[in-house]
Protein backbone atom coordinates (compact mmCIF):
# COMPACT_ATOMS: atom_id res chain seq x y z
CA MET A 1 30.90 7.80 -37.52
CA ARG A 2 30.96 4.21 -36.32
CA ILE A 3 27.55 2.49 -36.17
CA GLY A 4 26.82 -0.70 -34.26
CA LEU A 5 23.93 -2.23 -36.25
CA LEU A 6 21.93 -4.76 -34.20
CA THR A 7 19.79 -7.24 -36.15
CA ASP A 8 17.56 -10.15 -35.17
CA GLY A 9 16.89 -12.97 -37.63
CA GLY A 10 17.92 -11.00 -40.72
CA PHE A 11 20.86 -9.07 -42.15
CA PRO A 12 23.67 -9.96 -42.78
CA TYR A 13 22.38 -13.52 -43.11
CA ALA A 14 21.38 -14.50 -46.64
CA ALA A 15 17.83 -15.20 -45.43
CA GLY A 16 15.72 -13.02 -43.18
CA GLU A 17 13.00 -10.38 -43.13
CA SER A 18 15.24 -7.36 -42.49
CA ARG A 19 17.95 -8.39 -44.96
CA VAL A 20 16.97 -6.14 -47.88
CA TRP A 21 16.41 -2.81 -46.15
CA CYS A 22 19.41 -3.20 -43.84
CA ASP A 23 21.64 -4.04 -46.79
CA ARG A 24 20.43 -0.95 -48.65
CA LEU A 25 21.00 1.20 -45.56
CA VAL A 26 24.56 0.00 -45.04
CA ARG A 27 25.49 0.35 -48.72
CA GLY A 28 23.83 3.75 -48.97
CA LEU A 29 25.84 5.19 -46.06
CA ALA A 30 29.32 4.35 -47.27
CA GLN A 31 30.72 7.45 -45.55
CA HIS A 32 30.21 5.74 -42.17
CA GLU A 33 31.72 2.61 -40.66
CA PHE A 34 29.47 -0.27 -39.58
CA ASP A 35 29.93 -3.06 -37.08
CA LEU A 36 27.25 -5.74 -37.49
CA TYR A 37 25.88 -7.66 -34.50
CA ALA A 38 23.42 -10.33 -35.66
CA LEU A 39 21.21 -12.76 -33.74
CA SER A 40 20.29 -15.93 -35.64
CA ARG A 41 16.88 -17.56 -35.15
CA SER A 42 17.33 -20.92 -36.90
CA ALA A 43 19.93 -23.43 -38.01
CA ARG A 44 18.73 -23.02 -41.62
CA GLN A 45 19.44 -19.30 -41.47
CA THR A 46 22.93 -19.84 -40.09
CA ALA A 47 23.67 -22.51 -42.71
CA ALA A 48 22.66 -20.15 -45.52
CA GLY A 49 25.67 -17.99 -44.68
CA LEU A 50 26.17 -14.24 -44.96
CA VAL A 51 25.68 -11.87 -47.86
CA ASP A 52 28.62 -10.13 -49.50
CA LEU A 53 29.39 -7.02 -47.47
CA PRO A 54 30.92 -3.69 -48.55
CA PRO A 55 34.39 -2.70 -47.33
CA HIS A 56 33.16 -0.12 -44.81
CA VAL A 57 31.71 -2.95 -42.69
CA ARG A 58 34.52 -3.35 -40.18
CA GLN A 59 33.43 -6.52 -38.40
CA VAL A 60 30.56 -9.02 -38.13
CA ARG A 61 29.63 -10.83 -34.93
CA THR A 62 26.88 -13.40 -34.85
CA ALA A 63 25.15 -15.39 -32.11
CA PRO A 64 22.64 -18.26 -32.48
CA LEU A 65 19.58 -18.08 -30.24
CA TRP A 66 18.16 -21.38 -31.49
CA ALA A 67 20.72 -23.82 -30.09
CA PRO A 68 21.52 -24.67 -26.47
CA GLU A 69 24.65 -22.87 -25.44
CA ASP A 70 26.35 -23.75 -22.18
CA ASP A 71 29.43 -21.61 -21.65
CA GLY A 72 30.57 -23.81 -18.75
CA HIS A 73 30.58 -20.97 -16.22
CA THR A 74 29.52 -21.74 -12.68
CA TYR A 75 29.30 -19.12 -9.96
CA GLY A 76 30.87 -19.09 -6.53
CA ARG A 77 28.86 -18.46 -3.38
CA ARG A 78 29.07 -14.67 -3.62
CA ASP A 79 27.99 -14.54 -7.28
CA ARG A 80 25.21 -17.04 -6.62
CA ARG A 81 23.81 -14.68 -4.01
CA ARG A 82 24.06 -11.79 -6.49
CA PHE A 83 22.28 -13.83 -9.12
CA ALA A 84 19.52 -14.87 -6.73
CA ARG A 85 18.96 -11.23 -5.71
CA HIS A 86 18.79 -9.84 -9.24
CA TYR A 87 16.78 -12.74 -10.65
CA THR A 88 14.28 -12.43 -7.81
CA GLU A 89 13.83 -8.75 -8.71
CA LEU A 90 13.34 -9.66 -12.37
CA ALA A 91 10.88 -12.48 -11.63
CA ALA A 92 8.88 -10.35 -9.20
CA SER A 93 8.57 -7.55 -11.76
CA ILE A 94 7.35 -10.01 -14.41
CA CYS A 95 4.72 -11.56 -12.15
CA ALA A 96 3.51 -8.36 -10.45
CA GLU A 97 0.85 -6.04 -11.83
CA ASP A 98 2.99 -3.00 -10.99
CA ALA A 99 6.72 -3.54 -11.42
CA GLY A 100 8.09 -0.04 -10.81
CA ASP A 101 11.86 -0.01 -11.44
CA ALA A 102 12.40 -3.61 -10.35
CA PHE A 103 12.57 -4.96 -13.91
CA ALA A 104 15.37 -2.61 -14.96
CA GLU A 105 17.30 -3.18 -11.74
CA GLY A 106 17.06 -6.95 -12.10
CA LEU A 107 17.93 -6.89 -15.81
CA TYR A 108 20.99 -4.66 -15.49
CA GLY A 109 22.09 -6.50 -12.36
CA LEU A 110 22.15 -9.76 -14.30
CA ALA A 111 23.97 -8.05 -17.17
CA GLU A 112 26.69 -6.76 -14.86
CA LEU A 113 27.04 -10.20 -13.29
CA ALA A 114 27.42 -11.79 -16.73
CA ARG A 115 29.98 -9.20 -17.72
CA GLU A 116 32.08 -9.76 -14.60
CA GLY A 117 31.59 -13.45 -13.90
CA GLY A 118 30.72 -15.09 -17.22
CA GLY A 119 27.55 -16.30 -18.88
CA LEU A 120 24.17 -16.87 -17.26
CA HIS A 121 23.20 -20.09 -19.03
CA ALA A 122 23.48 -22.48 -16.08
CA ALA A 123 22.20 -20.00 -13.52
CA LEU A 124 19.04 -19.12 -15.49
CA ARG A 125 18.15 -22.83 -15.68
CA SER A 126 19.10 -23.61 -12.09
CA GLU A 127 16.87 -24.65 -9.21
CA VAL A 128 17.46 -21.24 -7.65
CA ALA A 129 15.86 -19.55 -10.68
CA VAL A 130 12.89 -21.93 -10.73
CA ARG A 131 12.22 -21.46 -7.01
CA ALA A 132 12.46 -17.66 -7.34
CA LEU A 133 9.95 -17.75 -10.17
CA GLU A 134 7.63 -20.03 -8.22
CA SER A 135 7.71 -17.68 -5.22
CA ALA A 136 7.05 -14.64 -7.44
CA CYS A 137 4.02 -16.34 -9.04
CA ARG A 138 2.49 -17.03 -5.61
CA ALA A 139 3.42 -13.74 -3.95
CA PRO A 140 0.70 -11.23 -2.93
CA GLY A 141 -0.03 -8.86 -5.82
CA ALA A 142 0.95 -11.38 -8.49
CA ARG A 143 -1.07 -11.48 -11.70
CA ARG A 144 -4.02 -13.82 -11.48
CA SER A 145 -3.03 -15.43 -14.78
CA VAL A 146 0.30 -16.73 -13.38
CA ARG A 147 -0.78 -17.92 -9.94
CA GLY A 148 -1.72 -21.36 -11.21
CA ALA A 149 1.60 -22.03 -12.97
CA SER A 150 2.93 -25.53 -12.37
CA VAL A 151 6.50 -26.72 -12.00
CA LEU A 152 6.49 -27.69 -15.69
CA ASP A 153 5.36 -24.17 -16.55
CA HIS A 154 8.21 -22.72 -14.50
CA LEU A 155 10.72 -24.94 -16.26
CA ASP A 156 9.32 -24.07 -19.69
CA PHE A 157 9.42 -20.36 -18.97
CA ALA A 158 12.95 -20.60 -17.56
CA ASP A 159 14.08 -22.21 -20.82
CA ARG A 160 12.43 -19.53 -22.95
CA LEU A 161 13.70 -16.73 -20.72
CA GLU A 162 17.26 -18.01 -20.98
CA ARG A 163 17.08 -17.81 -24.77
CA ALA A 164 15.64 -14.29 -24.65
CA LEU A 165 18.35 -13.12 -22.22
CA ARG A 166 21.24 -14.80 -24.02
CA PRO A 167 22.45 -11.44 -25.45
CA LEU A 168 23.40 -10.49 -21.86
CA SER A 169 26.14 -13.13 -21.94
CA LEU A 170 27.66 -12.33 -25.33
CA ASP A 171 31.22 -11.07 -25.76
CA TRP A 172 30.12 -7.99 -27.67
CA TYR A 173 30.80 -5.39 -24.98
CA GLY A 174 34.57 -5.01 -24.95
CA ASP A 175 36.74 -2.18 -26.23
CA ASP A 176 36.73 -3.75 -29.70
CA GLY A 177 32.95 -4.18 -29.65
CA LEU A 178 30.02 -1.95 -28.81
CA ALA A 179 32.17 0.18 -26.52
CA ALA A 180 33.84 1.55 -29.66
CA ALA A 181 30.58 2.49 -31.39
CA ASP A 182 29.38 6.08 -31.67
CA LEU A 183 25.77 4.90 -32.02
CA CYS A 184 23.79 1.66 -31.66
CA HIS A 185 21.02 1.14 -34.21
CA ALA A 186 18.67 -1.72 -33.31
CA THR A 187 16.65 -2.82 -36.34
CA ALA A 188 14.00 -4.46 -34.14
CA GLY A 189 12.72 -4.20 -30.60
CA GLY A 190 12.78 -6.91 -27.94
CA PRO A 191 15.88 -9.11 -27.48
CA ALA A 192 17.53 -7.57 -30.56
CA ALA A 193 17.76 -4.26 -28.69
CA LEU A 194 19.24 -5.81 -25.52
CA PRO A 195 22.87 -5.27 -26.65
CA GLY A 196 21.97 -1.63 -27.30
CA LEU A 197 20.56 -1.28 -23.79
CA LEU A 198 23.78 -2.64 -22.33
CA ALA A 199 25.95 -0.45 -24.57
CA LYS A 200 24.12 2.58 -23.24
CA ARG A 201 24.29 1.31 -19.66
CA PHE A 202 27.98 0.42 -19.70
CA PHE A 203 29.43 2.98 -22.15
CA GLY A 204 26.83 5.72 -22.71
CA VAL A 205 26.34 4.85 -26.40
CA PRO A 206 23.09 6.43 -27.71
CA LEU A 207 20.44 3.98 -28.91
CA LEU A 208 18.25 4.25 -32.00
CA VAL A 209 15.42 1.70 -32.40
CA THR A 210 13.70 1.01 -35.73
CA GLU A 211 10.56 -1.12 -35.88
CA TYR A 212 8.82 -1.74 -39.19
CA GLY A 213 6.73 -4.32 -37.36
CA VAL A 214 6.22 -3.83 -33.62
CA GLN A 215 7.84 -6.86 -31.98
CA LEU A 216 5.54 -6.82 -28.96
CA ARG A 217 2.45 -6.86 -31.19
CA ALA A 218 3.90 -9.76 -33.19
CA HIS A 219 4.53 -11.63 -29.95
CA TYR A 220 0.97 -11.09 -28.75
CA LEU A 221 -0.47 -12.27 -32.07
CA GLY A 222 1.85 -15.22 -32.64
CA THR A 223 2.42 -16.91 -29.28
CA GLY A 224 -0.96 -18.61 -28.98
CA SER A 225 -1.12 -19.81 -32.59
CA ALA A 226 2.33 -21.39 -32.86
CA ALA A 227 2.67 -25.14 -33.26
CA ASP A 228 4.61 -25.35 -29.98
CA ALA A 229 2.36 -22.88 -28.17
CA PRO A 230 3.04 -22.84 -24.41
CA SER A 231 0.45 -23.14 -21.68
CA ALA A 232 -1.68 -20.18 -20.60
CA PRO A 233 0.49 -19.31 -17.52
CA VAL A 234 3.66 -19.43 -19.62
CA ARG A 235 2.05 -17.22 -22.27
CA ALA A 236 1.12 -14.74 -19.53
CA LEU A 237 4.67 -14.75 -18.17
CA LEU A 238 6.17 -14.30 -21.65
CA ALA A 239 3.75 -11.46 -22.43
CA ALA A 240 4.67 -9.71 -19.19
CA PHE A 241 8.41 -10.14 -19.81
CA HIS A 242 8.26 -8.83 -23.37
CA GLY A 243 6.03 -5.97 -22.26
CA ARG A 244 8.49 -4.93 -19.55
CA LEU A 245 11.44 -5.28 -21.93
CA THR A 246 9.73 -3.24 -24.64
CA ALA A 247 8.92 -0.47 -22.18
CA GLU A 248 12.56 -0.36 -21.03
CA VAL A 249 13.85 -0.28 -24.62
CA TYR A 250 11.52 2.61 -25.44
CA ARG A 251 12.52 4.44 -22.25
CA GLN A 252 16.25 4.21 -22.97
CA ALA A 253 16.12 4.84 -26.72
CA ALA A 254 17.06 8.34 -27.82
CA VAL A 255 14.91 8.06 -30.97
CA ILE A 256 12.38 5.46 -32.12
CA THR A 257 11.56 5.20 -35.83
CA PRO A 258 8.36 3.34 -36.71
CA GLY A 259 7.79 2.54 -40.36
CA ASN A 260 4.23 3.86 -40.44
CA THR A 261 1.51 5.47 -38.34
CA HIS A 262 -0.07 2.09 -37.55
CA ALA A 263 3.18 0.92 -35.90
CA ARG A 264 3.58 4.32 -34.24
CA ARG A 265 0.20 4.02 -32.50
CA TRP A 266 1.19 0.60 -31.18
CA GLN A 267 4.47 1.97 -29.86
CA GLU A 268 2.68 4.76 -28.02
CA LYS A 269 0.33 2.24 -26.44
CA CYS A 270 3.36 0.20 -25.34
CA GLY A 271 4.93 3.14 -23.52
CA ALA A 272 6.98 5.05 -26.12
CA GLU A 273 7.15 8.80 -25.58
CA ARG A 274 5.61 10.72 -28.45
CA ALA A 275 8.54 13.16 -28.56
CA LYS A 276 10.94 10.31 -29.40
CA LEU A 277 8.94 8.96 -32.34
CA ARG A 278 9.94 9.77 -35.94
CA THR A 279 8.14 7.96 -38.75
CA VAL A 280 10.60 6.74 -41.41
CA HIS A 281 8.87 4.89 -44.23
CA PRO A 282 10.59 1.79 -45.63
CA GLY A 283 12.68 2.46 -48.70
CA MET A 284 11.91 0.43 -51.81
CA GLU A 285 13.66 0.09 -55.15
CA ALA A 286 11.73 2.14 -57.72
CA ARG A 287 13.90 1.83 -60.83
CA ARG A 288 12.74 -1.67 -61.79
CA PHE A 289 9.18 -0.35 -62.11
CA THR A 290 10.04 2.74 -64.18
CA ALA A 291 9.24 1.18 -67.56
CA VAL A 292 5.90 -0.17 -66.31
CA GLY A 293 4.88 3.30 -65.16
CA GLU A 294 5.04 4.52 -68.75
CA THR A 295 2.67 1.85 -70.08
CA GLU A 296 -0.97 0.89 -69.68
CA GLY A 297 -2.10 -2.64 -68.86
CA ASP A 298 -5.10 -4.54 -70.13
CA GLU A 299 -8.05 -2.32 -69.27
CA ASP A 300 -10.27 -5.34 -68.44
CA THR A 301 -7.78 -7.02 -66.07
CA LEU A 302 -7.51 -6.85 -62.29
CA VAL A 303 -4.22 -7.91 -60.68
CA TRP A 304 -3.53 -9.20 -57.17
CA VAL A 305 0.07 -9.74 -56.07
CA GLY A 306 1.33 -11.16 -52.78
CA ARG A 307 1.75 -14.17 -50.53
CA ILE A 308 -1.25 -16.49 -50.63
CA GLU A 309 -2.45 -16.95 -47.05
CA PRO A 310 -5.75 -16.56 -45.15
CA ALA A 311 -4.92 -13.02 -43.98
CA LYS A 312 -5.03 -11.86 -47.62
CA ASP A 313 -8.72 -12.94 -47.87
CA LEU A 314 -8.67 -14.14 -51.45
CA ILE A 315 -12.05 -15.74 -50.77
CA ALA A 316 -13.64 -12.29 -50.49
CA LEU A 317 -11.79 -11.20 -53.64
CA LEU A 318 -13.15 -14.15 -55.63
CA HIS A 319 -16.71 -13.46 -54.47
CA ALA A 320 -16.25 -9.78 -55.36
CA PHE A 321 -15.01 -10.77 -58.82
CA ALA A 322 -18.14 -12.89 -59.29
CA GLU A 323 -20.18 -9.70 -58.83
CA ILE A 324 -17.88 -7.84 -61.24
CA ARG A 325 -18.34 -10.50 -63.95
CA LYS A 326 -22.11 -10.09 -63.81
CA GLU A 327 -21.75 -6.49 -64.99
CA GLU A 328 -18.47 -6.69 -66.95
CA PRO A 329 -18.37 -10.11 -68.69
CA HIS A 330 -14.96 -9.45 -70.24
CA ALA A 331 -13.21 -8.74 -66.93
CA ARG A 332 -10.33 -10.99 -65.87
CA LEU A 333 -8.53 -11.53 -62.56
CA ARG A 334 -4.85 -12.51 -62.34
CA ILE A 335 -3.69 -13.76 -58.93
CA VAL A 336 0.10 -13.68 -58.90
CA ALA A 337 1.76 -15.34 -55.92
CA ALA A 338 5.19 -14.53 -54.56
CA PRO A 339 7.35 -17.68 -54.43
CA VAL A 340 7.65 -19.09 -50.91
CA ARG A 341 9.64 -21.89 -49.29
CA GLY A 342 7.73 -24.83 -47.93
CA ASP A 343 4.16 -25.89 -48.60
CA ASP A 344 2.39 -24.33 -45.61
CA THR A 345 0.26 -22.22 -47.99
CA ALA A 346 -0.73 -25.16 -50.20
CA PRO A 347 -4.07 -25.98 -48.47
CA TYR A 348 -5.30 -22.39 -48.70
CA LEU A 349 -4.21 -22.13 -52.34
CA ALA A 350 -6.03 -25.37 -53.15
CA HIS A 351 -9.17 -24.02 -51.48
CA CYS A 352 -8.97 -20.80 -53.54
CA ARG A 353 -8.50 -22.75 -56.78
CA ALA A 354 -11.49 -24.93 -55.99
CA LEU A 355 -13.66 -21.89 -55.25
CA ALA A 356 -12.58 -20.20 -58.50
CA ALA A 357 -13.44 -23.34 -60.49
CA GLN A 358 -16.86 -23.43 -58.81
CA LEU A 359 -17.65 -19.74 -59.30
CA PHE A 360 -16.24 -19.48 -62.82
CA PRO A 361 -16.59 -22.66 -64.91
CA ASP A 362 -14.34 -22.71 -67.96
CA GLU A 363 -15.93 -20.63 -70.69
CA ALA A 364 -15.60 -20.89 -74.49
CA THR A 365 -16.45 -18.24 -77.06
CA ASP A 366 -17.91 -20.80 -79.54
CA PRO A 367 -18.53 -24.56 -79.81
CA HIS A 368 -15.11 -25.17 -81.35
CA ALA A 369 -12.99 -23.12 -78.87
CA ILE A 370 -11.23 -24.40 -75.77
CA GLY A 371 -12.76 -23.23 -72.50
CA ASP A 372 -10.92 -20.68 -70.41
CA ASN A 373 -11.30 -19.54 -66.81
CA PRO A 374 -11.33 -15.75 -66.19
CA VAL A 375 -9.34 -16.26 -62.98
CA SER A 376 -5.72 -17.35 -63.34
CA PHE A 377 -3.31 -18.43 -60.58
CA GLU A 378 0.29 -17.65 -61.45
CA GLU A 379 3.64 -17.33 -59.75
CA ILE A 380 6.35 -14.71 -60.14
CA GLY A 381 9.11 -16.28 -62.20
CA GLY A 382 6.69 -18.33 -64.28
CA PRO A 383 6.07 -17.89 -68.02
CA GLU A 384 3.10 -15.53 -67.49
CA ALA A 385 4.94 -13.25 -65.02
CA PRO A 386 8.72 -13.62 -65.34
CA THR A 387 9.35 -10.62 -63.06
CA LEU A 388 7.45 -8.65 -60.45
CA ALA A 389 7.19 -5.71 -62.84
CA ASP A 390 5.57 -7.98 -65.46
CA ALA A 391 2.87 -8.93 -62.97
CA TYR A 392 1.84 -5.32 -62.38
CA ALA A 393 2.13 -4.46 -66.08
CA ALA A 394 -0.54 -7.04 -66.97
CA GLY A 395 -3.53 -5.16 -65.55
CA ALA A 396 -5.12 -1.75 -65.24
CA VAL A 397 -6.18 -2.00 -61.58
CA VAL A 398 -4.30 -3.57 -58.65
CA VAL A 399 -6.39 -4.99 -55.80
CA LEU A 400 -5.54 -5.67 -52.15
CA SER A 401 -8.21 -7.58 -50.19
CA SER A 402 -6.43 -8.25 -46.87
CA VAL A 403 -8.06 -8.42 -43.46
CA VAL A 404 -4.69 -8.05 -41.69
CA GLU A 405 -1.82 -6.01 -43.09
CA GLY A 406 1.18 -4.17 -41.75
CA PHE A 407 2.98 -2.07 -44.35
CA PRO A 408 1.39 -2.94 -47.75
CA VAL A 409 4.44 -3.49 -49.94
CA SER A 410 2.40 -4.59 -52.95
CA LEU A 411 0.48 -1.30 -52.93
CA VAL A 412 3.69 0.73 -53.00
CA GLU A 413 4.97 -1.37 -55.91
CA ALA A 414 1.69 -0.78 -57.76
CA MET A 415 2.04 2.95 -57.08
CA PHE A 416 5.55 2.94 -58.58
CA CYS A 417 3.95 1.34 -61.64
CA ALA A 418 1.38 4.19 -61.86
CA ARG A 419 -1.48 1.75 -61.35
CA ALA A 420 -4.83 2.70 -59.84
CA THR A 421 -5.54 0.63 -56.73
CA VAL A 422 -8.49 -0.70 -54.73
CA SER A 423 -7.62 -1.68 -51.16
CA THR A 424 -9.22 -2.70 -47.89
CA ASP A 425 -8.86 -0.35 -44.93
CA VAL A 426 -6.36 -2.33 -42.82
CA GLY A 427 -2.95 -1.60 -41.32
CA ALA A 428 -1.11 1.30 -42.94
CA VAL A 429 -3.13 1.20 -46.21
CA VAL A 430 -4.77 4.62 -45.84
CA GLU A 431 -1.47 6.20 -44.82
CA VAL A 432 0.29 4.73 -47.87
CA ILE A 433 -2.45 5.48 -50.40
CA GLY A 434 -3.09 9.01 -49.20
CA GLY A 435 -6.05 9.66 -51.50
CA THR A 436 -4.48 8.20 -54.66
CA GLY A 437 -6.62 5.05 -54.66
CA LEU A 438 -9.97 3.69 -53.54
CA VAL A 439 -10.28 2.19 -50.04
CA VAL A 440 -13.17 -0.03 -48.87
CA PRO A 441 -13.98 -1.88 -45.62
CA PRO A 442 -12.46 -5.36 -45.21
CA ARG A 443 -14.63 -8.48 -45.53
CA ASN A 444 -17.05 -6.64 -47.81
CA PRO A 445 -17.06 -8.25 -51.30
CA ARG A 446 -19.85 -5.98 -52.54
CA ALA A 447 -17.93 -2.79 -51.69
CA LEU A 448 -14.77 -4.27 -53.23
CA ALA A 449 -16.67 -5.10 -56.42
CA ASP A 450 -18.24 -1.64 -56.68
CA ALA A 451 -14.87 0.10 -56.33
CA CYS A 452 -13.26 -2.13 -58.97
CA LEU A 453 -16.15 -1.56 -61.36
CA ALA A 454 -15.86 2.21 -60.90
CA LEU A 455 -12.22 2.13 -62.05
CA LEU A 456 -12.68 -0.43 -64.82
CA ARG A 457 -15.34 1.80 -66.39
CA ASP A 458 -13.42 5.08 -66.09
CA PRO A 459 -10.03 5.07 -67.90
CA GLU A 460 -9.42 8.78 -67.28
CA ARG A 461 -9.90 8.38 -63.55
CA ARG A 462 -7.53 5.40 -63.53
CA GLN A 463 -4.90 7.48 -65.28
CA ARG A 464 -5.25 10.40 -62.86
CA LEU A 465 -5.07 8.17 -59.78
CA GLY A 466 -2.15 6.20 -61.18
CA ALA A 467 -0.13 9.33 -61.92
CA ALA A 468 -0.83 10.73 -58.46
CA ALA A 469 0.07 7.41 -56.85
CA ARG A 470 3.38 7.27 -58.68
CA ALA A 471 4.30 10.81 -57.65
CA ARG A 472 3.46 10.02 -54.01
CA ALA A 473 5.48 6.81 -53.98
CA LEU A 474 8.54 8.52 -55.52
CA GLU A 475 8.33 11.22 -52.85
CA LEU A 476 7.84 9.03 -49.76
CA PHE A 477 8.86 5.42 -50.31
CA THR A 478 12.18 5.30 -52.18
CA VAL A 479 15.47 3.95 -50.91
CA GLU A 480 16.98 7.42 -51.23
CA GLN A 481 14.50 9.07 -48.84
CA ASN A 482 14.97 6.25 -46.34
CA ILE A 483 18.76 6.58 -46.35
CA ALA A 484 18.59 10.38 -46.12
CA ALA A 485 16.25 10.18 -43.14
CA PHE A 486 18.51 7.83 -41.19
CA HIS A 487 21.61 9.83 -42.08
CA GLY A 488 19.99 12.94 -40.59
CA ILE A 489 18.98 11.05 -37.43
CA TYR A 490 22.51 9.67 -37.05
CA LEU A 491 23.95 13.18 -37.17
CA GLU A 492 21.36 14.48 -34.73
CA LEU A 493 22.05 11.77 -32.16
CA LEU A 494 25.79 12.22 -32.49
CA SER A 495 25.49 15.98 -32.00
CA HIS A 496 23.78 15.44 -28.62
CA ALA A 497 25.92 12.54 -27.41
CA PRO A 498 28.61 13.13 -24.79
CA VAL A 499 32.18 12.83 -26.01
CA ARG A 500 33.70 9.49 -25.08
CA ARG A 501 36.90 9.51 -27.17
CA THR A 502 40.24 11.19 -27.19
CA GLU A 503 41.71 12.86 -30.26
CA THR A 504 43.28 10.62 -32.87
CA GLY A 505 45.85 13.15 -34.01
CA VAL A 506 44.79 12.70 -37.64
CA PRO A 507 44.43 16.08 -39.44
CA PHE A 508 40.86 16.87 -40.50
CA ALA A 509 39.57 13.71 -38.79
CA HIS A 510 36.47 15.59 -37.67
CA PRO A 511 34.26 17.20 -40.35
CA ALA A 512 33.06 20.78 -40.19
CA GLU A 513 29.40 19.83 -39.63
CA ALA A 514 30.35 18.43 -36.22
CA PHE A 515 30.90 22.02 -35.06
CA LEU A 516 27.92 23.75 -36.68
CA PRO A 517 24.20 23.70 -35.83
CA GLY A 518 21.98 22.16 -38.46
CA THR A 519 18.71 20.36 -39.05
CA TRP A 520 20.00 17.30 -37.18
CA THR A 521 19.98 19.28 -33.92
CA GLY A 522 16.18 19.55 -34.01
CA PRO A 523 13.84 22.50 -34.58
CA GLY A 524 14.71 25.52 -32.52
CA ARG A 525 17.64 23.83 -30.78
CA THR A 526 21.34 24.48 -31.04
CA PRO A 527 24.09 22.62 -29.22
CA SER A 528 25.87 24.37 -26.39
CA TRP A 529 29.08 24.74 -28.37
CA ALA A 530 27.21 26.88 -30.95
CA ASP A 531 26.01 29.47 -28.45
CA GLY A 532 29.18 31.48 -28.41
CA PRO A 533 32.96 31.43 -28.76
CA ALA A 534 34.47 28.30 -27.26
CA PRO A 535 37.54 28.44 -25.06
CA ALA A 536 40.82 27.32 -26.49
CA GLY A 537 40.93 23.59 -27.00
CA ALA A 538 37.20 23.21 -26.52
CA ALA A 539 36.58 22.36 -30.17
CA ALA A 540 38.91 19.41 -30.00
CA GLY A 541 37.23 18.13 -26.84
CA ARG A 542 33.74 18.29 -28.33
CA SER A 543 34.25 16.75 -31.76
CA HIS A 544 33.02 13.41 -33.03
CA ASP A 545 34.18 10.94 -35.62
CA ASP A 546 32.03 11.04 -38.77
CA ALA A 547 34.15 9.38 -41.37
């Protein structure tokens, strides 16, 4: 099978959020061929280069979305009229409360124009585009939030829209590109899935979309707080565009795989059909935590591991620990930070250190001893915690105090280490824990303190919860289960896809499972070629590559 893997700001670049799990997926499915299509989000990411790739990766194509890119194409009179028609449809659908099918018609019309007549860079920034957007914002039935957009707002949105639609103009859609793929796997929604939409539109390639973090939700949460945040009308236009695009991606995808139930609920709210949704938990490396799972940490020590930022609510954790110290004077708290680039977290870290010094003055056991603070701030890679496993091994209870959380990676790592956990009820925490740890409301230091005290005072309960947590993590959150799940989905999608290739003439090029019903065909369903004897030559016409 030949997979076109679509990534956005991650793999196969050396830096990026999706780098690790995509790399594990590609290496774990060595029986398939992969073509990588990567969008880059920054010059730093592009400069970092690519990771070393296994031999079954046939080709890598990259495209920067961060730099201006003028392909030099200008349209003649006929193509300018086509562009104006399709862009007007797209703009009207973005501005209107009810778009109907206009968004898809405008989007695919622009894609076909780019495919036939060259890139859209100049046209999307032209006066024609700005005037079409201005008319759509003032048309009857337009959203109230966009009616007051100024000319500067129109220009700003046109610039941002051009970057989002740049995948329409890429040279990825020829016979040596996505047309040759058996399946497109988009590792994110939004613009990353645009090449998959076009591959399905032009060539009938089935589309699989994986979202471990819902892109539309991230856009809603991040647009207004960014340093270069646009004006209110531009934010409204961007929200409408991304909402329409997300709905179209979900409509065209054959299968959508959220990473947890929290993301799944968001996808349903954004228009995904429930029948298409399959939860596939992220796969994490468990072997490095095996030795820790066989040991017990300091029974008086609480451990927190993660990125230090306001969403983690370390302030509530410190106040909770103050309550714990009143009843358990020997308790200690180790805050272990993951190393990060830049100093954007420095102010919050300084605030936490100052609060810890205020709440817990250095204490000494006798007049001749040096004072010590029961709260320590460390960093993974430092002398106190050389590795991530060492951080979890130091304590008996792992705490998560977040007020906002997606998939709680630190909790899964603690579960691999057979550690009892206390967590706040945010994001996918309850789904991950599944009864193997204590869960309390967020922003409630008293409840957090009570739960920690309950585990610190009961070693047998800690041991039972830790063992159950480890068994659950090994069952649901390993790399092996993640790879097996995607392999089954690949086979299922291929079994339902129409045949688009001719025979290669290579003996045994098509494996036996391509002709037999199995779990990948879905419960209670069998493909048409399994219903009865096929006519002569039919088997050859219905086979698929799966090498």
